[in-house]
Amino acid sequence: MPKGRRTVLAVGQVDDDLSVHLGGAGVAGNLDFLKRVRQAEPDAWIVYRPHPDVRAGHRAGHLSDATVLEHADSIDSGSPLMQLVQCVDEVHVLSSLTGFEALMRGRPVTVHGMPFYAGWGLTRDLAAPNGRRGRRLGIDQLVAGALILYPHYVDPVTRLPCGPEIMVDRLADGSTPSVSWLIRLRVLQGKLRRLMTLSAELLHGRPA
């Protein structure tokens, strides 16, 4: 990160994801989002983080490096995400869960859409206000509602309903399903699709 300059992380998403369609507040995909980040932060050093499923070739929303760098200053696709979040002055998201995780780490978050964690006084909200939200919540109240009170969890070992404490224990001791042949096949499929996308960019000299 450049010293003495405001730094911003812009988190890309999957363009055709329902969270973008229903919670994106009219933002038309990653390119529109990135343009809005630059408009909101004209003097900042903007780091763009593409969504891993888009980067792997599984989902829509790919932007060529040249297109990204018309609006951002750098691209990061390999750093540990939460370490990157804690290195910047502010995080900009559309509806990504990264914004929620950044809030839990005490980072300032600007939201261009209307995800579940916006509208409670914890984020800088650029979308129109949601009439169903208006009271102020603390971060502990938001986390309790999102991770403890609202969800229903299933123990990956017993396949029975369980509380969040058991899920945390399972994650900590590695009691999660192993990688199946279907997951391996999907990884291969993503690599092939990404190779085709990059090849099209090189052949045509424009974003695929």
Protein backbone atom coordinates (compact mmCIF):
# COMPACT_ATOMS: atom_id res chain seq x y z
CA MET A 1 0.00 0.00 0.00
CA PRO A 2 1.30 3.52 -0.77
CA LYS A 3 2.27 5.49 2.31
CA GLY A 4 0.48 8.72 3.09
CA ARG A 5 -2.46 8.00 0.79
CA ARG A 6 -5.98 6.87 1.61
CA THR A 7 -6.47 3.21 0.64
CA VAL A 8 -9.73 1.51 -0.28
CA LEU A 9 -10.58 -2.14 -0.96
CA ALA A 10 -13.32 -2.68 -3.58
CA VAL A 11 -14.73 -6.22 -3.34
CA GLY A 12 -16.08 -7.68 -6.57
CA GLN A 13 -18.99 -10.10 -6.72
CA VAL A 14 -20.79 -12.49 -9.06
CA ASP A 15 -22.79 -10.38 -11.51
CA ASP A 16 -25.78 -12.73 -11.76
CA ASP A 17 -25.97 -13.61 -8.07
CA LEU A 18 -29.37 -13.10 -6.42
CA SER A 19 -27.77 -10.95 -3.72
CA VAL A 20 -26.72 -8.55 -6.50
CA HIS A 21 -30.07 -8.64 -8.31
CA LEU A 22 -32.19 -8.28 -5.17
CA GLY A 23 -29.83 -6.37 -2.88
CA GLY A 24 -27.70 -4.43 -5.34
CA ALA A 25 -29.90 -1.30 -5.32
CA GLY A 26 -29.66 -0.95 -9.09
CA VAL A 27 -25.88 -1.32 -9.42
CA ALA A 28 -25.33 -3.18 -12.71
CA GLY A 29 -22.48 -5.57 -11.95
CA ASN A 30 -18.81 -5.25 -11.14
CA LEU A 31 -17.91 -2.58 -13.69
CA ASP A 32 -20.70 -0.27 -12.57
CA PHE A 33 -19.73 -0.92 -8.94
CA LEU A 34 -16.08 -0.11 -9.61
CA LYS A 35 -17.00 3.13 -11.37
CA ARG A 36 -19.11 4.13 -8.37
CA VAL A 37 -16.25 3.37 -5.97
CA ARG A 38 -13.96 5.66 -7.95
CA GLN A 39 -16.63 8.35 -8.00
CA ALA A 40 -16.99 8.10 -4.22
CA GLU A 41 -13.21 7.93 -3.64
CA PRO A 42 -11.64 10.10 -6.38
CA ASP A 43 -8.28 10.51 -4.64
CA ALA A 44 -7.90 7.11 -2.98
CA TRP A 45 -5.64 4.22 -3.93
CA ILE A 46 -8.23 1.59 -4.87
CA VAL A 47 -7.44 -2.12 -4.70
CA TYR A 48 -9.90 -4.31 -6.59
CA ARG A 49 -10.50 -7.83 -5.31
CA PRO A 50 -12.28 -10.10 -7.84
CA HIS A 51 -14.68 -12.73 -6.51
CA PRO A 52 -12.95 -16.13 -6.32
CA ASP A 53 -15.73 -17.92 -8.26
CA VAL A 54 -15.45 -15.32 -11.03
CA ARG A 55 -11.68 -15.53 -11.00
CA ALA A 56 -11.88 -19.34 -11.21
CA GLY A 57 -14.19 -19.14 -14.21
CA HIS A 58 -17.30 -20.55 -12.54
CA ARG A 59 -19.54 -17.46 -12.55
CA ALA A 60 -20.32 -14.27 -14.44
CA GLY A 61 -18.67 -10.94 -13.70
CA HIS A 62 -15.19 -11.17 -15.20
CA LEU A 63 -13.40 -7.91 -15.96
CA SER A 64 -10.13 -7.77 -17.84
CA ASP A 65 -7.17 -6.33 -15.96
CA ALA A 66 -7.08 -3.39 -18.39
CA THR A 67 -10.73 -2.57 -17.67
CA VAL A 68 -10.22 -2.78 -13.91
CA LEU A 69 -7.17 -0.54 -14.01
CA GLU A 70 -9.13 2.20 -15.76
CA HIS A 71 -10.90 2.73 -12.44
CA ALA A 72 -8.72 1.07 -9.76
CA ASP A 73 -5.01 1.34 -8.99
CA SER A 74 -4.22 -2.32 -8.38
CA ILE A 75 -5.70 -5.82 -8.45
CA ASP A 76 -5.30 -8.37 -5.68
CA SER A 77 -6.45 -11.96 -6.02
CA GLY A 78 -4.02 -13.83 -3.80
CA SER A 79 -3.65 -12.13 -0.43
CA PRO A 80 -5.52 -13.52 2.58
CA LEU A 81 -8.73 -11.50 2.36
CA MET A 82 -9.11 -10.57 6.02
CA GLN A 83 -5.48 -9.46 6.23
CA LEU A 84 -6.14 -7.27 3.20
CA VAL A 85 -9.29 -5.88 4.84
CA GLN A 86 -7.28 -4.86 7.89
CA CYS A 87 -4.59 -3.15 5.75
CA VAL A 88 -6.88 -0.58 4.12
CA ASP A 89 -8.57 2.56 5.43
CA GLU A 90 -12.03 1.52 4.20
CA VAL A 91 -13.82 -1.35 2.50
CA HIS A 92 -16.34 -0.77 -0.30
CA VAL A 93 -18.85 -3.52 -1.11
CA LEU A 94 -22.04 -3.98 -3.09
CA SER A 95 -23.68 -6.71 -1.02
CA SER A 96 -20.70 -8.95 -0.25
CA LEU A 97 -20.36 -10.77 3.06
CA THR A 98 -16.87 -9.29 3.20
CA GLY A 99 -18.52 -6.11 4.42
CA PHE A 100 -20.06 -7.97 7.36
CA GLU A 101 -16.73 -9.61 8.19
CA ALA A 102 -14.98 -6.24 7.96
CA LEU A 103 -17.48 -4.74 10.43
CA MET A 104 -16.70 -7.54 12.89
CA ARG A 105 -13.05 -6.53 12.63
CA GLY A 106 -13.76 -2.89 13.32
CA ARG A 107 -13.14 -1.63 9.79
CA PRO A 108 -15.12 1.24 8.18
CA VAL A 109 -17.44 -0.11 5.47
CA THR A 110 -19.19 1.72 2.62
CA VAL A 111 -22.10 -0.18 1.08
CA HIS A 112 -23.41 0.53 -2.43
CA GLY A 113 -26.30 -1.96 -2.22
CA MET A 114 -28.60 -2.99 0.63
CA PRO A 115 -27.37 -6.25 2.20
CA PHE A 116 -28.67 -7.43 5.57
CA TYR A 117 -25.99 -5.59 7.53
CA ALA A 118 -26.67 -2.16 5.97
CA GLY A 119 -29.17 0.38 7.24
CA TRP A 120 -28.51 -0.14 10.96
CA GLY A 121 -26.09 2.75 11.50
CA LEU A 122 -22.95 0.61 11.25
CA THR A 123 -22.08 1.33 7.61
CA ARG A 124 -21.92 4.29 5.24
CA ASP A 125 -24.89 3.54 2.99
CA LEU A 126 -24.97 4.99 -0.54
CA ALA A 127 -28.23 3.29 -1.58
CA ALA A 128 -31.68 4.67 -0.83
CA PRO A 129 -32.82 3.91 2.73
CA ASN A 130 -34.82 0.75 3.37
CA GLY A 131 -38.08 1.54 5.14
CA ARG A 132 -37.95 -1.67 7.16
CA ARG A 133 -34.71 -0.58 8.81
CA GLY A 134 -34.18 2.50 10.86
CA ARG A 135 -33.28 1.65 14.43
CA ARG A 136 -29.63 1.67 15.44
CA LEU A 137 -27.87 -1.58 16.21
CA GLY A 138 -24.52 -2.28 17.80
CA ILE A 139 -22.19 -4.75 16.14
CA ASP A 140 -22.90 -7.35 18.86
CA GLN A 141 -26.64 -7.10 18.17
CA LEU A 142 -26.10 -7.47 14.43
CA VAL A 143 -23.82 -10.50 14.87
CA ALA A 144 -26.24 -12.14 17.30
CA GLY A 145 -29.14 -11.72 14.91
CA ALA A 146 -27.24 -12.89 11.82
CA LEU A 147 -25.26 -15.81 13.27
CA ILE A 148 -27.13 -16.99 16.38
CA LEU A 149 -30.83 -16.05 16.41
CA TYR A 150 -31.79 -16.30 12.72
CA PRO A 151 -29.97 -19.33 11.22
CA HIS A 152 -30.65 -23.04 11.67
CA TYR A 153 -27.50 -25.17 11.77
CA VAL A 154 -27.01 -28.85 10.93
CA ASP A 155 -24.12 -30.76 12.48
CA PRO A 156 -21.96 -32.03 9.56
CA VAL A 157 -21.05 -35.14 11.59
CA THR A 158 -24.39 -36.27 13.05
CA ARG A 159 -26.61 -34.55 10.42
CA LEU A 160 -28.82 -33.37 13.28
CA PRO A 161 -29.87 -29.81 14.16
CA CYS A 162 -27.35 -28.07 16.41
CA GLY A 163 -26.43 -24.72 17.87
CA PRO A 164 -23.72 -22.36 16.59
CA GLU A 165 -21.31 -23.46 19.33
CA ILE A 166 -21.19 -27.00 17.89
CA MET A 167 -20.59 -25.63 14.40
CA VAL A 168 -17.66 -23.59 15.69
CA ASP A 169 -16.22 -26.71 17.33
CA ARG A 170 -16.61 -28.71 14.10
CA LEU A 171 -14.84 -26.04 12.10
CA ALA A 172 -12.06 -25.83 14.68
CA ASP A 173 -11.39 -29.60 14.80
CA GLY A 174 -11.66 -30.11 11.04
CA SER A 175 -14.83 -32.22 11.13
CA THR A 176 -16.01 -31.02 7.74
CA PRO A 177 -16.76 -33.09 4.62
CA SER A 178 -13.76 -34.02 2.48
CA VAL A 179 -13.36 -32.85 -1.10
CA SER A 180 -15.50 -35.02 -3.39
CA TRP A 181 -14.95 -35.97 -7.03
CA LEU A 182 -17.72 -33.51 -7.96
CA ILE A 183 -15.84 -30.62 -6.35
CA ARG A 184 -12.64 -31.64 -8.16
CA LEU A 185 -14.57 -31.78 -11.45
CA ARG A 186 -15.96 -28.29 -10.84
CA VAL A 187 -12.48 -26.93 -10.15
CA LEU A 188 -11.32 -28.36 -13.48
CA GLN A 189 -14.35 -26.91 -15.24
CA GLY A 190 -13.59 -23.47 -13.81
CA LYS A 191 -9.96 -23.62 -14.96
CA LEU A 192 -11.06 -24.50 -18.50
CA ARG A 193 -13.61 -21.68 -18.61
CA ARG A 194 -11.06 -19.18 -17.31
CA LEU A 195 -8.52 -20.31 -19.91
CA MET A 196 -11.12 -19.76 -22.65
CA THR A 197 -11.96 -16.29 -21.31
CA LEU A 198 -8.33 -15.19 -21.14
CA SER A 199 -7.65 -16.64 -24.60
CA ALA A 200 -10.56 -14.63 -26.01
CA GLU A 201 -9.14 -11.46 -24.48
CA LEU A 202 -5.73 -12.08 -26.03
CA LEU A 203 -7.19 -12.89 -29.45
CA HIS A 204 -9.57 -9.94 -29.65
CA GLY A 205 -7.61 -7.42 -27.59
CA ARG A 206 -10.66 -6.45 -25.55
CA PRO A 207 -12.49 -7.55 -22.39
CA ALA A 208 -14.24 -10.91 -22.76
